[in-house]
Amino acid sequence: MVKVEFGAHIDGYTANIAHTLIVGGKAKDKKAAVVLAAYDAFIAATRSIKAGSLNQEVTANIAKVCEAYEVEPMQGVLSHKVKKHLIDGNECIINKETPEQRVEDWEFAPGDVISLDVFVTSGDGMGKEADVRTTVYKREMDM
């Protein structure tokens, strides 16, 4: 599996898109379940983001889809409300809520822009250290 992600800044606003590809043919068993669960959880999450709904409803819908596919949402993944020149605002949607990791409840309003990340695994939902590191460049707000 390969994740391809593209992004751009247009007048201070970000636009990102990502897609997961299966290299070398069709996925089977758990690999297929993970890909389908991630897609269906993303669709369920987008449908629950509407004026008057709460961020916790999005998290609950992701969990329901993952339960149906017998996979786990990844811990530590946050989706953010986006503002001009800011890709990770204070208002967040957590991919998987745990007793140690929680976010404040907030209500969606008309005009909100959300950068939605849905990550799913066939494992225990915890990330693992790897030799290869990912680099993310981000603007420093004081500059």
N, C-alpha and C. Protein backbone atom coordinates (compact mmCIF):
# COMPACT_ATOMS: atom_id res chain seq x y z
N MET A 1 0.84 -1.18 0.00
CA MET A 1 0.00 0.00 0.00
C MET A 1 0.88 1.24 0.00
N VAL A 2 0.46 2.21 -0.76
CA VAL A 2 1.19 3.46 -0.84
C VAL A 2 0.20 4.60 -0.68
N LYS A 3 0.54 5.59 0.15
CA LYS A 3 -0.28 6.78 0.29
C LYS A 3 0.38 7.90 -0.49
N VAL A 4 -0.38 8.51 -1.38
CA VAL A 4 0.11 9.64 -2.16
C VAL A 4 -0.67 10.86 -1.69
N GLU A 5 0.07 11.93 -1.35
CA GLU A 5 -0.58 13.13 -0.85
C GLU A 5 -0.02 14.35 -1.57
N PHE A 6 -0.91 15.25 -1.96
CA PHE A 6 -0.54 16.49 -2.62
C PHE A 6 -1.15 17.64 -1.85
N GLY A 7 -0.46 18.77 -1.86
CA GLY A 7 -0.98 19.94 -1.18
C GLY A 7 -0.51 21.22 -1.84
N ALA A 8 -1.26 22.29 -1.61
CA ALA A 8 -0.91 23.60 -2.14
C ALA A 8 -1.43 24.67 -1.19
N HIS A 9 -0.79 25.83 -1.23
CA HIS A 9 -1.27 27.00 -0.50
C HIS A 9 -1.75 28.01 -1.53
N ILE A 10 -2.95 28.48 -1.36
CA ILE A 10 -3.51 29.48 -2.27
C ILE A 10 -4.01 30.64 -1.42
N ASP A 11 -3.34 31.77 -1.52
CA ASP A 11 -3.69 32.97 -0.75
C ASP A 11 -3.78 32.68 0.75
N GLY A 12 -2.87 31.84 1.25
CA GLY A 12 -2.84 31.56 2.68
C GLY A 12 -3.71 30.41 3.13
N TYR A 13 -4.49 29.83 2.23
CA TYR A 13 -5.33 28.68 2.58
C TYR A 13 -4.71 27.41 2.00
N THR A 14 -4.82 26.32 2.74
CA THR A 14 -4.26 25.07 2.26
C THR A 14 -5.32 24.25 1.53
N ALA A 15 -4.84 23.48 0.59
CA ALA A 15 -5.69 22.52 -0.11
C ALA A 15 -4.89 21.23 -0.21
N ASN A 16 -5.36 20.16 0.39
CA ASN A 16 -4.66 18.88 0.39
C ASN A 16 -5.58 17.79 -0.11
N ILE A 17 -4.98 16.78 -0.71
CA ILE A 17 -5.72 15.61 -1.13
C ILE A 17 -4.78 14.41 -1.02
N ALA A 18 -5.33 13.27 -0.65
CA ALA A 18 -4.52 12.06 -0.53
C ALA A 18 -5.31 10.88 -1.06
N HIS A 19 -4.57 9.86 -1.48
CA HIS A 19 -5.20 8.65 -1.99
C HIS A 19 -4.31 7.47 -1.67
N THR A 20 -4.90 6.35 -1.31
CA THR A 20 -4.15 5.13 -1.03
C THR A 20 -4.27 4.20 -2.22
N LEU A 21 -3.13 3.66 -2.64
CA LEU A 21 -3.09 2.76 -3.78
C LEU A 21 -2.57 1.40 -3.35
N ILE A 22 -3.09 0.36 -3.97
CA ILE A 22 -2.59 -0.99 -3.78
C ILE A 22 -1.63 -1.28 -4.93
N VAL A 23 -0.38 -1.54 -4.61
CA VAL A 23 0.63 -1.81 -5.64
C VAL A 23 0.68 -3.31 -5.91
N GLY A 24 0.64 -3.68 -7.17
CA GLY A 24 0.79 -5.09 -7.53
C GLY A 24 -0.49 -5.90 -7.54
N GLY A 25 -1.62 -5.28 -7.69
CA GLY A 25 -2.85 -6.06 -7.81
C GLY A 25 -3.90 -5.69 -6.79
N LYS A 26 -4.83 -6.62 -6.56
CA LYS A 26 -5.94 -6.39 -5.66
C LYS A 26 -5.56 -6.75 -4.23
N ALA A 27 -6.15 -6.03 -3.27
CA ALA A 27 -5.94 -6.35 -1.87
C ALA A 27 -6.92 -7.44 -1.45
N LYS A 28 -6.51 -8.27 -0.50
CA LYS A 28 -7.36 -9.34 0.01
C LYS A 28 -7.34 -9.32 1.52
N ASP A 29 -8.34 -9.93 2.10
CA ASP A 29 -8.43 -10.14 3.54
C ASP A 29 -8.30 -8.84 4.32
N LYS A 30 -7.34 -8.79 5.26
CA LYS A 30 -7.19 -7.62 6.14
C LYS A 30 -6.79 -6.37 5.39
N LYS A 31 -5.95 -6.49 4.37
CA LYS A 31 -5.55 -5.31 3.60
C LYS A 31 -6.77 -4.68 2.93
N ALA A 32 -7.62 -5.51 2.37
CA ALA A 32 -8.84 -5.00 1.73
C ALA A 32 -9.76 -4.37 2.77
N ALA A 33 -9.87 -5.00 3.92
CA ALA A 33 -10.73 -4.47 4.99
C ALA A 33 -10.25 -3.10 5.46
N VAL A 34 -8.93 -2.93 5.57
CA VAL A 34 -8.38 -1.65 6.01
C VAL A 34 -8.67 -0.55 5.00
N VAL A 35 -8.45 -0.84 3.73
CA VAL A 35 -8.68 0.17 2.69
C VAL A 35 -10.16 0.54 2.62
N LEU A 36 -11.02 -0.45 2.62
CA LEU A 36 -12.46 -0.18 2.56
C LEU A 36 -12.96 0.54 3.82
N ALA A 37 -12.45 0.14 4.97
CA ALA A 37 -12.85 0.79 6.22
C ALA A 37 -12.43 2.25 6.24
N ALA A 38 -11.22 2.53 5.78
CA ALA A 38 -10.75 3.92 5.75
C ALA A 38 -11.62 4.75 4.82
N TYR A 39 -11.95 4.21 3.66
CA TYR A 39 -12.79 4.94 2.71
C TYR A 39 -14.19 5.17 3.29
N ASP A 40 -14.81 4.10 3.78
CA ASP A 40 -16.17 4.23 4.33
C ASP A 40 -16.20 5.12 5.57
N ALA A 41 -15.16 5.05 6.40
CA ALA A 41 -15.10 5.92 7.59
C ALA A 41 -14.96 7.38 7.17
N PHE A 42 -14.18 7.63 6.13
CA PHE A 42 -14.04 8.99 5.62
C PHE A 42 -15.39 9.52 5.12
N ILE A 43 -16.11 8.70 4.37
CA ILE A 43 -17.43 9.11 3.86
C ILE A 43 -18.39 9.37 5.02
N ALA A 44 -18.41 8.47 6.02
CA ALA A 44 -19.28 8.66 7.18
C ALA A 44 -18.91 9.93 7.94
N ALA A 45 -17.62 10.21 8.05
CA ALA A 45 -17.17 11.41 8.76
C ALA A 45 -17.59 12.67 8.01
N THR A 46 -17.41 12.68 6.69
CA THR A 46 -17.79 13.88 5.93
C THR A 46 -19.29 14.14 6.00
N ARG A 47 -20.07 13.08 6.03
CA ARG A 47 -21.53 13.26 6.11
C ARG A 47 -21.97 13.77 7.48
N SER A 48 -21.16 13.55 8.51
CA SER A 48 -21.55 14.01 9.85
C SER A 48 -21.00 15.40 10.16
N ILE A 49 -20.19 15.96 9.26
CA ILE A 49 -19.71 17.34 9.45
C ILE A 49 -20.71 18.27 8.81
N LYS A 50 -21.56 18.85 9.64
CA LYS A 50 -22.57 19.80 9.18
C LYS A 50 -22.91 20.74 10.33
N ALA A 51 -23.44 21.88 10.00
CA ALA A 51 -23.76 22.89 11.01
C ALA A 51 -24.66 22.28 12.08
N GLY A 52 -24.28 22.48 13.33
CA GLY A 52 -25.05 21.98 14.46
C GLY A 52 -24.57 20.65 15.01
N SER A 53 -23.76 19.90 14.24
CA SER A 53 -23.21 18.63 14.73
C SER A 53 -21.98 18.89 15.59
N LEU A 54 -21.61 17.89 16.38
CA LEU A 54 -20.43 18.00 17.24
C LEU A 54 -19.27 17.19 16.67
N ASN A 55 -18.06 17.61 17.01
CA ASN A 55 -16.86 16.88 16.57
C ASN A 55 -16.86 15.45 17.09
N GLN A 56 -17.42 15.20 18.26
CA GLN A 56 -17.44 13.85 18.83
C GLN A 56 -18.32 12.90 18.01
N GLU A 57 -19.30 13.43 17.29
CA GLU A 57 -20.14 12.60 16.42
C GLU A 57 -19.30 12.05 15.26
N VAL A 58 -18.36 12.84 14.76
CA VAL A 58 -17.48 12.39 13.69
C VAL A 58 -16.61 11.24 14.19
N THR A 59 -16.04 11.41 15.38
CA THR A 59 -15.20 10.36 15.98
C THR A 59 -16.02 9.08 16.19
N ALA A 60 -17.24 9.22 16.65
CA ALA A 60 -18.10 8.05 16.88
C ALA A 60 -18.43 7.33 15.58
N ASN A 61 -18.66 8.08 14.51
CA ASN A 61 -18.97 7.46 13.21
C ASN A 61 -17.76 6.73 12.64
N ILE A 62 -16.57 7.27 12.83
CA ILE A 62 -15.35 6.57 12.41
C ILE A 62 -15.23 5.25 13.16
N ALA A 63 -15.48 5.28 14.46
CA ALA A 63 -15.39 4.07 15.30
C ALA A 63 -16.41 3.02 14.87
N LYS A 64 -17.63 3.43 14.53
CA LYS A 64 -18.66 2.48 14.10
C LYS A 64 -18.27 1.76 12.82
N VAL A 65 -17.75 2.50 11.87
CA VAL A 65 -17.34 1.89 10.60
C VAL A 65 -16.18 0.92 10.84
N CYS A 66 -15.22 1.32 11.63
CA CYS A 66 -14.06 0.45 11.91
C CYS A 66 -14.50 -0.82 12.63
N GLU A 67 -15.45 -0.71 13.52
CA GLU A 67 -15.97 -1.88 14.23
C GLU A 67 -16.63 -2.85 13.25
N ALA A 68 -17.35 -2.32 12.29
CA ALA A 68 -18.02 -3.17 11.30
C ALA A 68 -17.01 -3.95 10.45
N TYR A 69 -15.86 -3.36 10.17
CA TYR A 69 -14.82 -4.02 9.38
C TYR A 69 -13.81 -4.78 10.25
N GLU A 70 -13.98 -4.73 11.56
CA GLU A 70 -13.08 -5.38 12.51
C GLU A 70 -11.64 -4.89 12.37
N VAL A 71 -11.50 -3.57 12.26
CA VAL A 71 -10.20 -2.91 12.24
C VAL A 71 -10.23 -1.80 13.29
N GLU A 72 -9.11 -1.11 13.48
CA GLU A 72 -9.01 -0.07 14.51
C GLU A 72 -8.65 1.27 13.89
N PRO A 73 -9.30 2.36 14.36
CA PRO A 73 -8.82 3.70 13.97
C PRO A 73 -7.49 3.97 14.68
N MET A 74 -6.60 4.70 14.03
CA MET A 74 -5.29 5.00 14.61
C MET A 74 -5.42 6.04 15.72
N GLN A 75 -4.69 5.82 16.80
CA GLN A 75 -4.64 6.78 17.89
C GLN A 75 -3.68 7.92 17.55
N GLY A 76 -3.95 9.08 18.11
CA GLY A 76 -3.04 10.21 17.95
C GLY A 76 -3.23 11.01 16.67
N VAL A 77 -4.22 10.67 15.86
CA VAL A 77 -4.47 11.38 14.60
C VAL A 77 -5.53 12.44 14.86
N LEU A 78 -5.21 13.67 14.49
CA LEU A 78 -6.14 14.78 14.67
C LEU A 78 -6.48 15.42 13.34
N SER A 79 -7.74 15.78 13.18
CA SER A 79 -8.19 16.61 12.07
C SER A 79 -8.46 17.99 12.64
N HIS A 80 -8.20 19.03 11.86
CA HIS A 80 -8.27 20.39 12.40
C HIS A 80 -9.21 21.28 11.60
N LYS A 81 -9.73 22.27 12.30
CA LYS A 81 -10.44 23.36 11.64
C LYS A 81 -9.36 24.29 11.07
N VAL A 82 -9.47 24.59 9.78
CA VAL A 82 -8.45 25.36 9.07
C VAL A 82 -8.86 26.82 9.01
N LYS A 83 -7.87 27.70 9.17
CA LYS A 83 -8.08 29.14 9.01
C LYS A 83 -6.98 29.66 8.08
N LYS A 84 -7.10 30.90 7.68
CA LYS A 84 -6.09 31.48 6.79
C LYS A 84 -4.73 31.46 7.50
N HIS A 85 -3.72 30.95 6.82
CA HIS A 85 -2.34 30.83 7.32
C HIS A 85 -2.21 29.88 8.51
N LEU A 86 -3.19 29.04 8.76
CA LEU A 86 -3.15 28.13 9.91
C LEU A 86 -3.80 26.80 9.54
N ILE A 87 -3.00 25.72 9.45
CA ILE A 87 -3.53 24.42 9.05
C ILE A 87 -3.94 23.56 10.24
N ASP A 88 -3.56 23.96 11.44
CA ASP A 88 -3.90 23.15 12.61
C ASP A 88 -4.43 24.03 13.74
N GLY A 89 -5.68 24.45 13.59
CA GLY A 89 -6.32 25.29 14.58
C GLY A 89 -6.58 24.55 15.89
N ASN A 90 -7.07 25.25 16.87
CA ASN A 90 -7.32 24.67 18.20
C ASN A 90 -8.51 23.73 18.22
N GLU A 91 -9.45 23.89 17.32
CA GLU A 91 -10.63 23.03 17.29
C GLU A 91 -10.31 21.78 16.46
N CYS A 92 -10.35 20.61 17.13
CA CYS A 92 -9.89 19.36 16.51
C CYS A 92 -10.98 18.29 16.54
N ILE A 93 -10.80 17.32 15.66
CA ILE A 93 -11.56 16.07 15.66
C ILE A 93 -10.53 14.97 15.87
N ILE A 94 -10.72 14.15 16.87
CA ILE A 94 -9.77 13.08 17.12
C ILE A 94 -10.23 11.82 16.41
N ASN A 95 -9.30 11.12 15.80
CA ASN A 95 -9.60 9.90 15.05
C ASN A 95 -10.09 8.78 15.97
N LYS A 96 -9.44 8.64 17.14
CA LYS A 96 -9.83 7.63 18.12
C LYS A 96 -9.62 8.21 19.51
N GLU A 97 -10.70 8.29 20.25
CA GLU A 97 -10.62 8.84 21.60
C GLU A 97 -10.24 7.74 22.59
N THR A 98 -9.31 8.06 23.47
CA THR A 98 -8.89 7.16 24.55
C THR A 98 -8.94 7.95 25.85
N PRO A 99 -8.86 7.27 27.00
CA PRO A 99 -8.83 8.03 28.27
C PRO A 99 -7.67 9.02 28.35
N GLU A 100 -6.55 8.70 27.69
CA GLU A 100 -5.39 9.59 27.72
C GLU A 100 -5.45 10.67 26.66
N GLN A 101 -6.16 10.42 25.57
CA GLN A 101 -6.20 11.36 24.45
C GLN A 101 -7.65 11.77 24.18
N ARG A 102 -7.95 13.02 24.50
CA ARG A 102 -9.28 13.56 24.29
C ARG A 102 -9.16 14.97 23.73
N VAL A 103 -10.21 15.45 23.09
CA VAL A 103 -10.26 16.83 22.64
C VAL A 103 -11.55 17.45 23.17
N GLU A 104 -11.57 18.77 23.23
CA GLU A 104 -12.75 19.49 23.68
C GLU A 104 -13.88 19.36 22.66
N ASP A 105 -15.10 19.28 23.15
CA ASP A 105 -16.27 19.26 22.27
C ASP A 105 -16.48 20.64 21.65
N TRP A 106 -16.86 20.67 20.39
CA TRP A 106 -17.22 21.93 19.74
C TRP A 106 -18.21 21.63 18.62
N GLU A 107 -18.96 22.64 18.26
CA GLU A 107 -20.04 22.49 17.28
C GLU A 107 -19.63 23.10 15.94
N PHE A 108 -19.94 22.40 14.85
CA PHE A 108 -19.65 22.91 13.52
C PHE A 108 -20.58 24.06 13.19
N ALA A 109 -20.04 25.06 12.50
CA ALA A 109 -20.82 26.23 12.11
C ALA A 109 -20.73 26.38 10.59
N PRO A 110 -21.69 27.08 9.99
CA PRO A 110 -21.62 27.31 8.55
C PRO A 110 -20.31 28.02 8.19
N GLY A 111 -19.68 27.59 7.11
CA GLY A 111 -18.44 28.20 6.67
C GLY A 111 -17.17 27.59 7.25
N ASP A 112 -17.30 26.63 8.18
CA ASP A 112 -16.12 25.97 8.74
C ASP A 112 -15.40 25.18 7.64
N VAL A 113 -14.10 25.20 7.67
CA VAL A 113 -13.29 24.42 6.75
C VAL A 113 -12.50 23.43 7.59
N ILE A 114 -12.64 22.15 7.27
CA ILE A 114 -12.03 21.09 8.06
C ILE A 114 -11.03 20.33 7.20
N SER A 115 -9.85 20.11 7.73
CA SER A 115 -8.86 19.23 7.10
C SER A 115 -9.03 17.87 7.78
N LEU A 116 -9.67 16.94 7.09
CA LEU A 116 -10.08 15.66 7.69
C LEU A 116 -9.08 14.56 7.37
N ASP A 117 -8.53 13.95 8.40
CA ASP A 117 -7.62 12.81 8.27
C ASP A 117 -8.26 11.61 8.93
N VAL A 118 -8.40 10.51 8.19
CA VAL A 118 -8.92 9.26 8.74
C VAL A 118 -7.86 8.18 8.49
N PHE A 119 -7.30 7.65 9.56
CA PHE A 119 -6.28 6.61 9.47
C PHE A 119 -6.80 5.36 10.15
N VAL A 120 -6.63 4.21 9.50
CA VAL A 120 -7.16 2.93 9.99
C VAL A 120 -6.05 1.89 9.92
N THR A 121 -6.08 0.93 10.84
CA THR A 121 -5.07 -0.12 10.86
C THR A 121 -5.70 -1.47 11.18
N SER A 122 -5.05 -2.53 10.74
CA SER A 122 -5.49 -3.88 11.10
C SER A 122 -4.85 -4.30 12.42
N GLY A 123 -3.97 -3.46 12.95
CA GLY A 123 -3.29 -3.76 14.22
C GLY A 123 -4.07 -3.24 15.41
N ASP A 124 -3.32 -2.83 16.44
CA ASP A 124 -3.93 -2.41 17.70
C ASP A 124 -4.28 -0.92 17.75
N GLY A 125 -4.01 -0.18 16.69
CA GLY A 125 -4.36 1.24 16.66
C GLY A 125 -3.24 2.15 17.12
N MET A 126 -2.11 1.58 17.47
CA MET A 126 -0.97 2.37 17.92
C MET A 126 0.05 2.50 16.79
N GLY A 127 0.66 3.66 16.67
CA GLY A 127 1.70 3.85 15.68
C GLY A 127 2.99 3.16 16.13
N LYS A 128 3.84 2.88 15.17
CA LYS A 128 5.11 2.21 15.45
C LYS A 128 6.26 3.05 14.94
N GLU A 129 7.37 3.03 15.66
CA GLU A 129 8.58 3.73 15.24
C GLU A 129 9.15 3.05 14.00
N ALA A 130 9.71 3.85 13.11
CA ALA A 130 10.34 3.31 11.91
C ALA A 130 11.68 4.02 11.70
N ASP A 131 12.55 3.41 10.92
CA ASP A 131 13.85 4.01 10.64
C ASP A 131 13.71 5.24 9.76
N VAL A 132 12.72 5.25 8.87
CA VAL A 132 12.49 6.37 7.97
C VAL A 132 11.57 7.37 8.65
N ARG A 133 11.96 8.63 8.63
CA ARG A 133 11.16 9.67 9.27
C ARG A 133 10.48 10.53 8.23
N THR A 134 9.29 10.97 8.53
CA THR A 134 8.54 11.87 7.66
C THR A 134 8.83 13.30 8.09
N THR A 135 8.99 14.19 7.13
CA THR A 135 9.23 15.60 7.44
C THR A 135 8.01 16.40 7.01
N VAL A 136 7.50 17.20 7.92
CA VAL A 136 6.38 18.08 7.62
C VAL A 136 6.84 19.50 7.87
N TYR A 137 6.75 20.35 6.85
CA TYR A 137 7.14 21.75 7.00
C TYR A 137 5.92 22.57 7.34
N LYS A 138 6.09 23.48 8.28
CA LYS A 138 4.97 24.26 8.78
C LYS A 138 5.44 25.68 9.05
N ARG A 139 4.59 26.64 8.84
CA ARG A 139 4.91 28.04 9.07
C ARG A 139 4.99 28.34 10.56
N GLU A 140 5.99 29.13 10.94
CA GLU A 140 6.06 29.60 12.32
C GLU A 140 5.19 30.86 12.41
N MET A 141 4.25 30.86 13.34
CA MET A 141 3.26 31.95 13.39
C MET A 141 3.88 33.29 13.77
N ASP A 142 5.03 33.32 14.44
CA ASP A 142 5.62 34.60 14.85
C ASP A 142 6.51 35.21 13.76
N MET A 143 6.60 34.56 12.60
CA MET A 143 7.44 35.08 11.51
C MET A 143 6.59 35.49 10.33
